[in-house]
């Protein structure tokens, strides 16, 4: 049955307008993004089919172009639209942090870092540079690959912090393996960066590890 033939109070768009997007299921939200179905499947049915094929919403959102377009009802135009939506959400979160004192709320920071790092297959080391009010000045990926003392150089972090006239930083990296536990190398490089920045009176507020299962805060676990 076509969605337009459904009772009006059951249609995803009408429910979103009336009750808000939080009231919709993953399939219904995806159906609004898809806009149309395929032969024999309305948009909601197609969305349910795709979520089943990919295994999860996360897997669908993180699929590369080749994998994405190999599925029913998905082409390069839909892939571009989805990537644009994801990038807009990242920029929204970043702009939110730049124009508010959101760093008083660790959940906002974690949400931003998850959107930034959660989909990467290789480790990325990111630094958030903050002003005196702990507002975001800039966010930069400084290193890629394994996180250890030979790959992450405190000198580079210090140079960037001085460039942005930072008063504080938040360090972050992802664990594609899924583990949230900090390794000995993670702890070692955190100590080295904190010591180097401390000589210039620049505070290291936190080091956050992002993985598929969530996030880990050094500060919350008493490691800073």
N, C-alpha and C. Protein backbone atom coordinates (compact mmCIF):
# COMPACT_ATOMS: atom_id res chain seq x y z
N UNK A 1 0.84 -1.19 0.00
CA UNK A 1 0.00 0.00 0.00
C UNK A 1 0.88 1.26 0.00
N UNK A 2 0.53 2.21 -0.82
CA UNK A 2 1.27 3.47 -0.86
C UNK A 2 1.06 4.24 0.44
N UNK A 3 2.08 4.97 0.84
CA UNK A 3 2.00 5.72 2.10
C UNK A 3 0.87 6.74 2.05
N UNK A 4 0.63 7.32 0.87
CA UNK A 4 -0.45 8.31 0.74
C UNK A 4 -1.82 7.71 0.98
N UNK A 5 -1.90 6.36 0.95
CA UNK A 5 -3.16 5.68 1.21
C UNK A 5 -3.31 5.32 2.69
N UNK A 6 -2.26 5.55 3.48
CA UNK A 6 -2.33 5.27 4.92
C UNK A 6 -3.22 6.32 5.60
N UNK A 7 -3.75 6.02 6.77
CA UNK A 7 -4.41 7.06 7.56
C UNK A 7 -3.42 8.20 7.82
N UNK A 8 -3.91 9.42 7.78
CA UNK A 8 -3.02 10.58 7.86
C UNK A 8 -2.18 10.59 9.14
N UNK A 9 -2.73 10.13 10.26
CA UNK A 9 -1.99 10.17 11.52
C UNK A 9 -0.94 9.07 11.63
N UNK A 10 -0.82 8.21 10.59
CA UNK A 10 0.20 7.16 10.57
C UNK A 10 1.32 7.46 9.59
N UNK A 11 1.17 8.46 8.77
CA UNK A 11 2.19 8.78 7.77
C UNK A 11 3.40 9.43 8.45
N UNK A 12 4.63 9.00 8.10
CA UNK A 12 5.83 9.51 8.77
C UNK A 12 5.97 11.02 8.75
N UNK A 13 5.74 11.65 7.62
CA UNK A 13 5.93 13.10 7.55
C UNK A 13 4.94 13.83 8.45
N UNK A 14 3.69 13.41 8.41
CA UNK A 14 2.67 14.07 9.22
C UNK A 14 2.95 13.85 10.72
N UNK A 15 3.40 12.63 11.06
CA UNK A 15 3.74 12.37 12.46
C UNK A 15 4.94 13.19 12.91
N UNK A 16 5.91 13.35 12.04
CA UNK A 16 7.08 14.17 12.38
C UNK A 16 6.66 15.61 12.67
N UNK A 17 5.81 16.16 11.82
CA UNK A 17 5.36 17.54 12.00
C UNK A 17 4.54 17.70 13.27
N UNK A 18 3.79 16.66 13.60
CA UNK A 18 2.88 16.75 14.74
C UNK A 18 3.57 16.39 16.06
N UNK A 19 4.43 15.36 16.03
CA UNK A 19 4.99 14.83 17.28
C UNK A 19 6.51 15.03 17.40
N UNK A 20 7.16 15.46 16.31
CA UNK A 20 8.60 15.64 16.34
C UNK A 20 9.34 14.43 15.80
N UNK A 21 10.58 14.61 15.33
CA UNK A 21 11.33 13.51 14.72
C UNK A 21 11.66 12.39 15.69
N UNK A 22 11.75 12.69 16.99
CA UNK A 22 12.08 11.68 17.97
C UNK A 22 11.01 10.60 18.09
N UNK A 23 9.80 10.89 17.59
CA UNK A 23 8.70 9.93 17.69
C UNK A 23 8.76 8.87 16.59
N UNK A 24 9.62 9.06 15.59
CA UNK A 24 9.69 8.14 14.46
C UNK A 24 10.74 7.06 14.67
N UNK A 25 10.50 5.91 14.08
CA UNK A 25 11.47 4.82 14.11
C UNK A 25 12.59 5.10 13.11
N UNK A 26 13.66 4.30 13.18
CA UNK A 26 14.75 4.43 12.22
C UNK A 26 14.24 4.27 10.79
N UNK A 27 13.38 3.29 10.59
CA UNK A 27 12.85 3.04 9.24
C UNK A 27 12.02 4.22 8.75
N UNK A 28 11.23 4.81 9.62
CA UNK A 28 10.39 5.95 9.20
C UNK A 28 11.24 7.17 8.87
N UNK A 29 12.28 7.43 9.68
CA UNK A 29 13.18 8.55 9.38
C UNK A 29 13.91 8.32 8.06
N UNK A 30 14.36 7.09 7.86
CA UNK A 30 15.05 6.76 6.61
C UNK A 30 14.10 6.88 5.42
N UNK A 31 12.85 6.53 5.62
CA UNK A 31 11.86 6.63 4.54
C UNK A 31 11.66 8.09 4.11
N UNK A 32 11.67 9.00 5.06
CA UNK A 32 11.54 10.43 4.72
C UNK A 32 12.74 10.87 3.91
N UNK A 33 13.92 10.37 4.26
CA UNK A 33 15.12 10.68 3.48
C UNK A 33 15.03 10.09 2.07
N UNK A 34 14.57 8.85 1.95
CA UNK A 34 14.48 8.19 0.64
C UNK A 34 13.44 8.84 -0.27
N UNK A 35 12.35 9.33 0.36
CA UNK A 35 11.26 10.02 -0.33
C UNK A 35 10.37 9.07 -1.14
N UNK A 36 10.94 8.15 -1.89
CA UNK A 36 10.14 7.24 -2.71
C UNK A 36 10.61 5.80 -2.50
N UNK A 37 9.74 4.89 -2.81
CA UNK A 37 10.09 3.48 -2.74
C UNK A 37 10.49 2.95 -4.09
N UNK A 38 10.32 1.65 -4.27
CA UNK A 38 10.57 1.01 -5.56
C UNK A 38 9.35 0.18 -5.92
N UNK A 39 9.40 -0.48 -7.04
CA UNK A 39 8.25 -1.27 -7.47
C UNK A 39 7.93 -2.34 -6.43
N UNK A 40 6.72 -2.28 -5.91
CA UNK A 40 6.28 -3.26 -4.93
C UNK A 40 6.59 -2.90 -3.49
N UNK A 41 7.39 -1.82 -3.28
CA UNK A 41 7.75 -1.42 -1.92
C UNK A 41 7.55 0.09 -1.76
N UNK A 42 6.78 0.49 -0.75
CA UNK A 42 6.72 1.92 -0.47
C UNK A 42 7.99 2.34 0.27
N UNK A 43 8.14 3.61 0.55
CA UNK A 43 9.39 4.12 1.13
C UNK A 43 9.69 3.50 2.49
N UNK A 44 8.67 3.28 3.31
CA UNK A 44 8.89 2.68 4.64
C UNK A 44 9.30 1.22 4.50
N UNK A 45 8.64 0.49 3.61
CA UNK A 45 9.01 -0.91 3.38
C UNK A 45 10.43 -1.01 2.86
N UNK A 46 10.79 -0.11 1.95
CA UNK A 46 12.14 -0.10 1.40
C UNK A 46 13.16 0.20 2.50
N UNK A 47 12.82 1.15 3.36
CA UNK A 47 13.72 1.50 4.46
C UNK A 47 13.92 0.30 5.39
N UNK A 48 12.85 -0.40 5.71
CA UNK A 48 12.97 -1.59 6.57
C UNK A 48 13.83 -2.66 5.89
N UNK A 49 13.62 -2.82 4.59
CA UNK A 49 14.41 -3.79 3.83
C UNK A 49 15.90 -3.43 3.87
N UNK A 50 16.21 -2.15 3.68
CA UNK A 50 17.61 -1.72 3.66
C UNK A 50 18.27 -1.87 5.02
N UNK A 51 17.53 -1.55 6.08
CA UNK A 51 18.09 -1.71 7.44
C UNK A 51 18.38 -3.18 7.73
N UNK A 52 17.53 -4.05 7.21
CA UNK A 52 17.78 -5.48 7.36
C UNK A 52 18.99 -5.93 6.55
N UNK A 53 19.12 -5.41 5.34
CA UNK A 53 20.25 -5.76 4.47
C UNK A 53 21.58 -5.30 5.05
N UNK A 54 21.62 -4.07 5.54
CA UNK A 54 22.86 -3.52 6.09
C UNK A 54 23.14 -4.03 7.50
N UNK A 55 22.09 -4.40 8.21
CA UNK A 55 22.27 -4.91 9.56
C UNK A 55 22.04 -3.89 10.65
N UNK A 56 22.21 -2.61 10.31
CA UNK A 56 21.99 -1.54 11.29
C UNK A 56 21.97 -0.20 10.57
N UNK A 57 21.42 0.80 11.24
CA UNK A 57 21.42 2.15 10.69
C UNK A 57 22.85 2.66 10.57
N UNK A 58 23.66 2.37 11.56
CA UNK A 58 25.06 2.80 11.55
C UNK A 58 25.80 2.27 10.32
N UNK A 59 25.62 0.99 10.04
CA UNK A 59 26.30 0.38 8.89
C UNK A 59 25.86 1.04 7.58
N UNK A 60 24.59 1.38 7.49
CA UNK A 60 24.10 2.06 6.29
C UNK A 60 24.73 3.44 6.14
N UNK A 61 24.76 4.19 7.25
CA UNK A 61 25.30 5.55 7.20
C UNK A 61 26.80 5.57 6.92
N UNK A 62 27.51 4.51 7.30
CA UNK A 62 28.95 4.48 7.15
C UNK A 62 29.40 3.76 5.88
N UNK A 63 28.46 3.24 5.09
CA UNK A 63 28.82 2.50 3.88
C UNK A 63 29.50 3.42 2.86
N UNK A 64 30.50 2.85 2.15
CA UNK A 64 31.12 3.63 1.09
C UNK A 64 30.23 3.61 -0.15
N UNK A 65 30.61 4.37 -1.16
CA UNK A 65 29.78 4.54 -2.36
C UNK A 65 29.47 3.20 -3.02
N UNK A 66 30.49 2.35 -3.17
CA UNK A 66 30.29 1.08 -3.87
C UNK A 66 29.29 0.20 -3.14
N UNK A 67 29.45 0.07 -1.83
CA UNK A 67 28.54 -0.78 -1.06
C UNK A 67 27.15 -0.17 -1.01
N UNK A 68 27.09 1.14 -0.82
CA UNK A 68 25.80 1.82 -0.71
C UNK A 68 24.97 1.62 -1.98
N UNK A 69 25.58 1.86 -3.13
CA UNK A 69 24.84 1.81 -4.39
C UNK A 69 24.58 0.39 -4.89
N UNK A 70 25.11 -0.61 -4.21
CA UNK A 70 24.85 -2.00 -4.61
C UNK A 70 23.50 -2.49 -4.10
N UNK A 71 22.83 -1.67 -3.31
CA UNK A 71 21.56 -2.09 -2.71
C UNK A 71 20.36 -1.48 -3.44
N UNK A 72 19.26 -2.17 -3.34
CA UNK A 72 18.01 -1.79 -3.99
C UNK A 72 17.60 -0.37 -3.63
N UNK A 73 17.30 0.44 -4.65
CA UNK A 73 16.76 1.77 -4.42
C UNK A 73 17.76 2.84 -4.06
N UNK A 74 19.05 2.48 -4.07
CA UNK A 74 20.09 3.44 -3.68
C UNK A 74 21.06 3.67 -4.84
N UNK A 75 21.20 4.94 -5.21
CA UNK A 75 22.13 5.31 -6.27
C UNK A 75 23.10 6.37 -5.79
N UNK A 76 23.89 6.88 -6.71
CA UNK A 76 24.90 7.87 -6.34
C UNK A 76 24.27 9.17 -5.86
N UNK A 77 23.11 9.53 -6.41
CA UNK A 77 22.45 10.76 -5.96
C UNK A 77 22.03 10.65 -4.49
N UNK A 78 21.47 9.49 -4.11
CA UNK A 78 21.08 9.27 -2.71
C UNK A 78 22.32 9.27 -1.82
N UNK A 79 23.41 8.70 -2.31
CA UNK A 79 24.66 8.67 -1.53
C UNK A 79 25.13 10.10 -1.27
N UNK A 80 25.10 10.94 -2.29
CA UNK A 80 25.51 12.34 -2.13
C UNK A 80 24.62 13.07 -1.14
N UNK A 81 23.31 12.82 -1.23
CA UNK A 81 22.38 13.46 -0.31
C UNK A 81 22.67 13.04 1.13
N UNK A 82 22.93 11.74 1.33
CA UNK A 82 23.20 11.25 2.68
C UNK A 82 24.49 11.83 3.23
N UNK A 83 25.55 11.87 2.41
CA UNK A 83 26.82 12.43 2.87
C UNK A 83 26.67 13.91 3.21
N UNK A 84 25.86 14.61 2.42
CA UNK A 84 25.61 16.03 2.70
C UNK A 84 24.89 16.20 4.04
N UNK A 85 23.92 15.32 4.32
CA UNK A 85 23.20 15.38 5.60
C UNK A 85 24.13 15.11 6.77
N UNK A 86 25.00 14.11 6.62
CA UNK A 86 25.94 13.78 7.68
C UNK A 86 26.92 14.93 7.93
N UNK A 87 27.41 15.53 6.86
CA UNK A 87 28.35 16.64 7.02
C UNK A 87 27.67 17.85 7.64
N UNK A 88 26.42 18.10 7.27
CA UNK A 88 25.68 19.21 7.89
C UNK A 88 25.53 18.99 9.39
N UNK A 89 25.26 17.74 9.79
CA UNK A 89 25.10 17.46 11.22
C UNK A 89 26.41 17.69 11.96
N UNK A 90 27.54 17.30 11.36
CA UNK A 90 28.85 17.55 12.00
C UNK A 90 29.11 19.04 12.14
N UNK A 91 28.82 19.79 11.08
CA UNK A 91 29.07 21.24 11.11
C UNK A 91 28.13 21.93 12.10
N UNK A 92 26.91 21.43 12.21
CA UNK A 92 25.98 21.98 13.19
C UNK A 92 26.53 21.79 14.60
N UNK A 93 27.00 20.57 14.89
CA UNK A 93 27.54 20.30 16.22
C UNK A 93 28.77 21.14 16.50
N UNK A 94 29.63 21.30 15.48
CA UNK A 94 30.84 22.11 15.67
C UNK A 94 30.48 23.57 15.90
N UNK A 95 29.52 24.09 15.11
CA UNK A 95 29.11 25.49 15.27
C UNK A 95 28.47 25.71 16.64
N UNK A 96 27.73 24.70 17.12
CA UNK A 96 27.14 24.77 18.44
C UNK A 96 28.20 24.97 19.51
N UNK A 97 29.29 24.22 19.36
CA UNK A 97 30.37 24.31 20.34
C UNK A 97 31.13 25.63 20.22
N UNK A 98 31.21 26.16 19.01
CA UNK A 98 31.93 27.41 18.80
C UNK A 98 31.19 28.61 19.36
N UNK A 99 29.87 28.52 19.46
CA UNK A 99 29.07 29.68 19.87
C UNK A 99 28.42 29.52 21.24
N UNK A 100 28.89 28.54 21.98
CA UNK A 100 28.35 28.37 23.32
C UNK A 100 29.43 27.77 24.21
N UNK A 101 29.19 27.83 25.50
CA UNK A 101 30.12 27.23 26.45
C UNK A 101 29.74 25.77 26.68
N UNK A 102 29.65 25.02 25.58
CA UNK A 102 29.19 23.65 25.65
C UNK A 102 30.19 22.72 26.32
N UNK A 103 31.43 23.19 26.50
CA UNK A 103 32.42 22.33 27.10
C UNK A 103 32.23 22.19 28.60
N UNK A 104 31.23 22.88 29.14
CA UNK A 104 30.82 22.62 30.52
C UNK A 104 29.93 21.38 30.54
N UNK A 105 29.50 20.92 29.38
CA UNK A 105 28.68 19.71 29.27
C UNK A 105 29.44 18.66 28.47
N UNK A 106 30.08 17.69 29.14
CA UNK A 106 30.88 16.68 28.44
C UNK A 106 30.11 15.90 27.39
N UNK A 107 28.80 15.75 27.58
CA UNK A 107 28.01 14.98 26.62
C UNK A 107 27.99 15.65 25.25
N UNK A 108 27.98 16.99 25.21
CA UNK A 108 28.00 17.70 23.94
C UNK A 108 29.31 17.43 23.20
N UNK A 109 30.41 17.44 23.96
CA UNK A 109 31.72 17.19 23.37
C UNK A 109 31.79 15.77 22.83
N UNK A 110 31.33 14.81 23.60
CA UNK A 110 31.36 13.41 23.18
C UNK A 110 30.51 13.21 21.92
N UNK A 111 29.36 13.85 21.87
CA UNK A 111 28.48 13.72 20.71
C UNK A 111 29.18 14.25 19.46
N UNK A 112 29.84 15.40 19.59
CA UNK A 112 30.56 15.97 18.46
C UNK A 112 31.70 15.03 18.03
N UNK A 113 32.46 14.51 18.98
CA UNK A 113 33.59 13.65 18.65
C UNK A 113 33.14 12.33 18.04
N UNK A 114 32.01 11.81 18.50
CA UNK A 114 31.48 10.59 17.89
C UNK A 114 31.11 10.82 16.43
N UNK A 115 30.52 11.98 16.15
CA UNK A 115 30.15 12.28 14.76
C UNK A 115 31.39 12.48 13.90
N UNK A 116 32.47 12.95 14.53
CA UNK A 116 33.71 13.24 13.81
C UNK A 116 34.56 12.00 13.59
N UNK A 117 34.59 11.11 14.58
CA UNK A 117 35.55 10.01 14.57
C UNK A 117 34.93 8.62 14.44
N UNK A 118 33.64 8.51 14.72
CA UNK A 118 33.04 7.20 14.86
C UNK A 118 33.10 6.31 13.64
N UNK A 119 33.18 6.88 12.44
CA UNK A 119 33.11 6.08 11.23
C UNK A 119 34.45 5.70 10.64
N UNK A 120 35.55 6.21 11.19
CA UNK A 120 36.87 5.98 10.59
C UNK A 120 37.36 4.55 10.85
N UNK A 121 38.00 3.97 9.85
CA UNK A 121 38.54 2.62 9.96
C UNK A 121 39.97 2.63 10.48
N UNK A 122 40.65 3.76 10.39
CA UNK A 122 41.99 3.91 10.95
C UNK A 122 41.93 4.89 12.11
N UNK A 123 42.91 4.78 13.01
CA UNK A 123 42.93 5.69 14.14
C UNK A 123 43.25 7.11 13.68
N UNK A 124 42.50 8.05 14.22
CA UNK A 124 42.68 9.47 13.96
C UNK A 124 42.90 10.17 15.29
N UNK A 125 43.87 11.06 15.34
CA UNK A 125 44.14 11.81 16.57
C UNK A 125 43.73 13.26 16.34
N UNK A 126 42.73 13.70 17.09
CA UNK A 126 42.12 15.02 16.92
C UNK A 126 42.40 15.86 18.16
N UNK A 127 42.60 17.15 17.93
CA UNK A 127 42.74 18.08 19.04
C UNK A 127 41.71 19.20 18.89
N UNK A 128 40.97 19.46 19.95
CA UNK A 128 40.05 20.59 20.01
C UNK A 128 40.76 21.72 20.74
N UNK A 129 40.89 22.86 20.08
CA UNK A 129 41.59 24.01 20.66
C UNK A 129 40.56 24.99 21.21
N UNK A 130 40.70 25.39 22.47
CA UNK A 130 39.68 26.18 23.16
C UNK A 130 40.25 27.51 23.64
N UNK A 131 39.35 28.49 23.79
CA UNK A 131 39.77 29.79 24.32
C UNK A 131 39.60 29.81 25.84
N UNK A 132 39.74 30.99 26.43
CA UNK A 132 39.65 31.12 27.89
C UNK A 132 38.29 30.74 28.44
N UNK A 133 37.23 30.92 27.62
CA UNK A 133 35.87 30.58 28.03
C UNK A 133 35.52 29.13 27.69
N UNK A 134 36.53 28.39 27.24
CA UNK A 134 36.37 26.99 26.83
C UNK A 134 35.39 26.85 25.67
N UNK A 135 35.39 27.83 24.78
CA UNK A 135 34.66 27.73 23.52
C UNK A 135 35.62 27.22 22.45
N UNK A 136 35.05 26.55 21.46
CA UNK A 136 35.87 25.93 20.42
C UNK A 136 36.44 26.96 19.47
N UNK A 137 37.77 26.99 19.34
CA UNK A 137 38.45 27.82 18.36
C UNK A 137 38.64 27.07 17.05
N UNK A 138 39.05 25.81 17.16
CA UNK A 138 39.30 24.99 15.98
C UNK A 138 39.37 23.53 16.38
N UNK A 139 39.12 22.68 15.39
CA UNK A 139 39.23 21.23 15.57
C UNK A 139 40.09 20.70 14.42
N UNK A 140 41.17 20.01 14.75
CA UNK A 140 42.07 19.52 13.71
C UNK A 140 42.46 18.07 13.94
N UNK A 141 42.48 17.31 12.85
CA UNK A 141 43.05 15.96 12.87
C UNK A 141 44.53 16.10 12.60
N UNK A 142 45.35 15.85 13.60
CA UNK A 142 46.79 16.09 13.48
C UNK A 142 47.58 14.85 13.08
N UNK A 143 47.06 13.67 13.43
CA UNK A 143 47.81 12.46 13.14
C UNK A 143 46.85 11.34 12.73
N UNK A 144 47.38 10.39 11.94
CA UNK A 144 46.60 9.22 11.56
C UNK A 144 47.46 7.98 11.77
N UNK A 145 46.79 6.88 12.09
CA UNK A 145 47.52 5.64 12.31
C UNK A 145 47.54 5.26 13.76
N UNK A 146 48.48 4.40 14.15
CA UNK A 146 48.57 3.92 15.52
C UNK A 146 48.93 5.05 16.46
N UNK A 147 48.27 5.09 17.61
CA UNK A 147 48.54 6.12 18.61
C UNK A 147 49.69 5.64 19.49
N UNK A 148 50.86 6.20 19.29
CA UNK A 148 52.00 5.93 20.18
C UNK A 148 52.96 7.10 20.09
N UNK A 149 54.02 7.05 20.87
CA UNK A 149 54.91 8.21 20.98
C UNK A 149 55.65 8.52 19.69
N UNK A 150 55.82 7.53 18.82
CA UNK A 150 56.53 7.80 17.57
C UNK A 150 55.62 8.39 16.50
N UNK A 151 54.30 8.22 16.68
CA UNK A 151 53.35 8.71 15.69
C UNK A 151 52.75 10.06 16.08
N UNK A 152 52.51 10.28 17.36
CA UNK A 152 51.92 11.51 17.85
C UNK A 152 53.02 12.35 18.49
N UNK A 153 53.25 13.52 17.97
CA UNK A 153 54.35 14.35 18.42
C UNK A 153 53.83 15.53 19.24
N UNK A 154 54.12 15.60 20.53
CA UNK A 154 53.68 16.71 21.37
C UNK A 154 54.06 18.07 20.80
N UNK A 155 55.22 18.15 20.14
CA UNK A 155 55.67 19.43 19.59
C UNK A 155 54.65 19.99 18.60
N UNK A 156 54.06 19.12 17.77
CA UNK A 156 53.08 19.57 16.78
C UNK A 156 51.83 20.10 17.49
N UNK A 157 51.40 19.41 18.54
CA UNK A 157 50.22 19.85 19.30
C UNK A 157 50.49 21.22 19.92
N UNK A 158 51.68 21.39 20.48
CA UNK A 158 52.05 22.67 21.09
C UNK A 158 52.07 23.78 20.05
N UNK A 159 52.67 23.53 18.90
CA UNK A 159 52.73 24.55 17.84
C UNK A 159 51.34 24.98 17.40
N UNK A 160 50.44 24.00 17.23
CA UNK A 160 49.07 24.34 16.83
C UNK A 160 48.35 25.12 17.93
N UNK A 161 48.55 24.73 19.16
CA UNK A 161 47.91 25.44 20.28
C UNK A 161 48.35 26.89 20.33
N UNK A 162 49.62 27.14 20.06
CA UNK A 162 50.13 28.52 20.04
C UNK A 162 49.57 29.28 18.84
N UNK A 163 49.44 28.61 17.72
CA UNK A 163 48.88 29.25 16.52
C UNK A 163 47.47 29.77 16.77
N UNK A 164 46.67 28.97 17.49
CA UNK A 164 45.28 29.35 17.77
C UNK A 164 45.14 30.17 19.05
N UNK A 165 46.26 30.46 19.72
CA UNK A 165 46.23 31.19 21.00
C UNK A 165 45.31 30.48 21.98
N UNK A 166 45.47 29.19 22.06
CA UNK A 166 44.59 28.37 22.90
C UNK A 166 44.92 28.52 24.37
N UNK A 167 43.88 28.48 25.18
CA UNK A 167 44.05 28.44 26.62
C UNK A 167 43.92 27.02 27.15
N UNK A 168 43.30 26.16 26.36
CA UNK A 168 43.09 24.77 26.78
C UNK A 168 42.87 23.90 25.54
N UNK A 169 43.02 22.60 25.71
CA UNK A 169 42.77 21.66 24.61
C UNK A 169 42.03 20.44 25.15
N UNK A 170 41.36 19.76 24.24
CA UNK A 170 40.82 18.43 24.50
C UNK A 170 41.39 17.51 23.43
N UNK A 171 42.01 16.43 23.85
CA UNK A 171 42.57 15.45 22.94
C UNK A 171 41.52 14.37 22.68
N UNK A 172 41.58 13.76 21.51
CA UNK A 172 40.63 12.68 21.20
C UNK A 172 41.22 11.79 20.13
N UNK A 173 40.90 10.52 20.22
CA UNK A 173 41.21 9.61 19.12
C UNK A 173 40.21 8.45 19.14
N UNK A 174 40.15 7.73 18.05
CA UNK A 174 39.21 6.62 17.93
C UNK A 174 39.93 5.29 18.04
N UNK A 175 39.19 4.28 18.45
CA UNK A 175 39.66 2.90 18.47
C UNK A 175 38.79 2.08 17.52
N UNK A 176 39.22 1.91 16.27
CA UNK A 176 38.41 1.11 15.33
C UNK A 176 38.18 -0.32 15.80
N UNK A 177 39.04 -0.82 16.69
CA UNK A 177 38.88 -2.18 17.21
C UNK A 177 37.62 -2.33 18.05
N UNK A 178 37.10 -1.20 18.56
CA UNK A 178 35.91 -1.24 19.40
C UNK A 178 36.20 -1.17 20.89
N UNK A 179 37.45 -1.35 21.28
CA UNK A 179 37.81 -1.29 22.70
C UNK A 179 37.81 0.14 23.20
N UNK A 180 37.26 0.35 24.39
CA UNK A 180 37.25 1.69 24.98
C UNK A 180 38.37 1.88 25.99
N UNK A 181 39.09 0.83 26.31
CA UNK A 181 40.15 0.93 27.31
C UNK A 181 41.37 1.63 26.74
N UNK A 182 41.92 2.63 27.45
CA UNK A 182 43.14 3.28 26.98
C UNK A 182 44.34 2.34 27.08
N UNK A 183 45.17 2.31 26.05
CA UNK A 183 46.37 1.47 26.06
C UNK A 183 47.47 2.18 26.83
N UNK A 184 48.54 1.48 27.18
CA UNK A 184 49.69 2.14 27.80
C UNK A 184 50.23 3.28 26.93
N UNK A 185 50.22 3.09 25.60
CA UNK A 185 50.67 4.15 24.70
C UNK A 185 49.76 5.37 24.76
N UNK A 186 48.45 5.13 24.88
CA UNK A 186 47.50 6.24 25.00
C UNK A 186 47.80 7.06 26.25
N UNK A 187 48.06 6.38 27.35
CA UNK A 187 48.34 7.08 28.61
C UNK A 187 49.68 7.82 28.53
N UNK A 188 50.65 7.17 27.90
CA UNK A 188 51.99 7.77 27.82
C UNK A 188 51.97 9.05 27.00
N UNK A 189 51.32 9.01 25.82
CA UNK A 189 51.32 10.19 24.96
C UNK A 189 50.48 11.30 25.58
N UNK A 190 49.44 10.94 26.32
CA UNK A 190 48.63 11.95 27.01
C UNK A 190 49.47 12.68 28.05
N UNK A 191 50.25 11.93 28.80
CA UNK A 191 51.11 12.54 29.82
C UNK A 191 52.14 13.47 29.17
N UNK A 192 52.72 13.04 28.05
CA UNK A 192 53.74 13.84 27.39
C UNK A 192 53.16 15.15 26.85
N UNK A 193 51.96 15.07 26.24
CA UNK A 193 51.32 16.27 25.70
C UNK A 193 50.91 17.21 26.83
N UNK A 194 50.34 16.64 27.88
CA UNK A 194 49.92 17.46 29.03
C UNK A 194 51.12 18.18 29.64
N UNK A 195 52.24 17.49 29.75
CA UNK A 195 53.45 18.10 30.31
C UNK A 195 53.97 19.22 29.41
N UNK A 196 54.00 18.99 28.09
CA UNK A 196 54.51 19.99 27.16
C UNK A 196 53.63 21.23 27.14
N UNK A 197 52.32 21.03 27.13
CA UNK A 197 51.40 22.17 27.12
C UNK A 197 51.42 22.91 28.47
N UNK A 198 51.60 22.15 29.53
CA UNK A 198 51.61 22.77 30.86
C UNK A 198 52.74 23.76 31.03
N UNK A 199 53.86 23.56 30.34
CA UNK A 199 54.98 24.51 30.41
C UNK A 199 54.59 25.88 29.87
N UNK A 200 53.55 25.90 29.02
CA UNK A 200 53.07 27.16 28.42
C UNK A 200 51.76 27.61 29.06
N UNK A 201 51.39 26.98 30.17
CA UNK A 201 50.16 27.31 30.88
C UNK A 201 48.92 27.06 30.03
N UNK A 202 48.98 26.03 29.19
CA UNK A 202 47.82 25.60 28.40
C UNK A 202 47.31 24.31 29.02
N UNK A 203 46.04 24.30 29.42
CA UNK A 203 45.47 23.16 30.13
C UNK A 203 45.02 22.06 29.18
N UNK A 204 45.25 20.82 29.57
CA UNK A 204 44.69 19.66 28.88
C UNK A 204 43.47 19.21 29.67
N UNK A 205 42.29 19.52 29.15
CA UNK A 205 41.06 19.27 29.90
C UNK A 205 40.64 17.80 29.90
N UNK A 206 40.92 17.13 28.78
CA UNK A 206 40.47 15.74 28.68
C UNK A 206 41.14 15.06 27.50
N UNK A 207 41.12 13.75 27.52
CA UNK A 207 41.46 12.93 26.37
C UNK A 207 40.33 11.92 26.24
N UNK A 208 39.63 11.96 25.11
CA UNK A 208 38.45 11.13 24.92
C UNK A 208 38.71 10.09 23.84
N UNK A 209 38.43 8.85 24.17
CA UNK A 209 38.54 7.75 23.21
C UNK A 209 37.14 7.44 22.69
N UNK A 210 37.01 7.36 21.37
CA UNK A 210 35.72 7.06 20.74
C UNK A 210 35.80 5.68 20.11
N UNK A 211 34.81 4.84 20.39
CA UNK A 211 34.71 3.53 19.77
C UNK A 211 33.24 3.24 19.50
N UNK A 212 32.99 2.14 18.82
CA UNK A 212 31.61 1.83 18.44
C UNK A 212 30.71 1.68 19.67
N UNK A 213 31.30 1.24 20.78
CA UNK A 213 30.49 1.03 21.97
C UNK A 213 30.24 2.26 22.81
N UNK A 214 30.84 3.40 22.43
CA UNK A 214 30.64 4.62 23.21
C UNK A 214 31.90 5.46 23.26
N UNK A 215 32.18 6.03 24.42
CA UNK A 215 33.35 6.88 24.56
C UNK A 215 33.92 6.74 25.97
N UNK A 216 35.20 7.07 26.10
CA UNK A 216 35.92 6.96 27.37
C UNK A 216 36.61 8.27 27.64
N UNK A 217 36.38 8.85 28.81
CA UNK A 217 36.97 10.12 29.19
C UNK A 217 38.07 9.91 30.23
N UNK A 218 39.29 10.36 29.88
CA UNK A 218 40.39 10.29 30.85
C UNK A 218 40.05 11.09 32.11
N UNK A 219 39.46 12.28 31.92
CA UNK A 219 39.16 13.16 33.05
C UNK A 219 38.15 12.49 33.99
N UNK A 220 37.13 11.86 33.43
CA UNK A 220 36.10 11.24 34.25
C UNK A 220 36.63 10.04 35.02
N UNK A 221 37.73 9.44 34.51
CA UNK A 221 38.31 8.29 35.18
C UNK A 221 39.54 8.66 36.01
N UNK A 222 39.75 9.95 36.21
CA UNK A 222 40.82 10.41 37.09
C UNK A 222 42.21 10.23 36.53
N UNK A 223 42.34 10.20 35.19
CA UNK A 223 43.66 9.99 34.57
C UNK A 223 44.31 11.28 34.14
N UNK A 224 43.67 12.42 34.42
CA UNK A 224 44.27 13.73 34.11
C UNK A 224 44.29 14.58 35.37
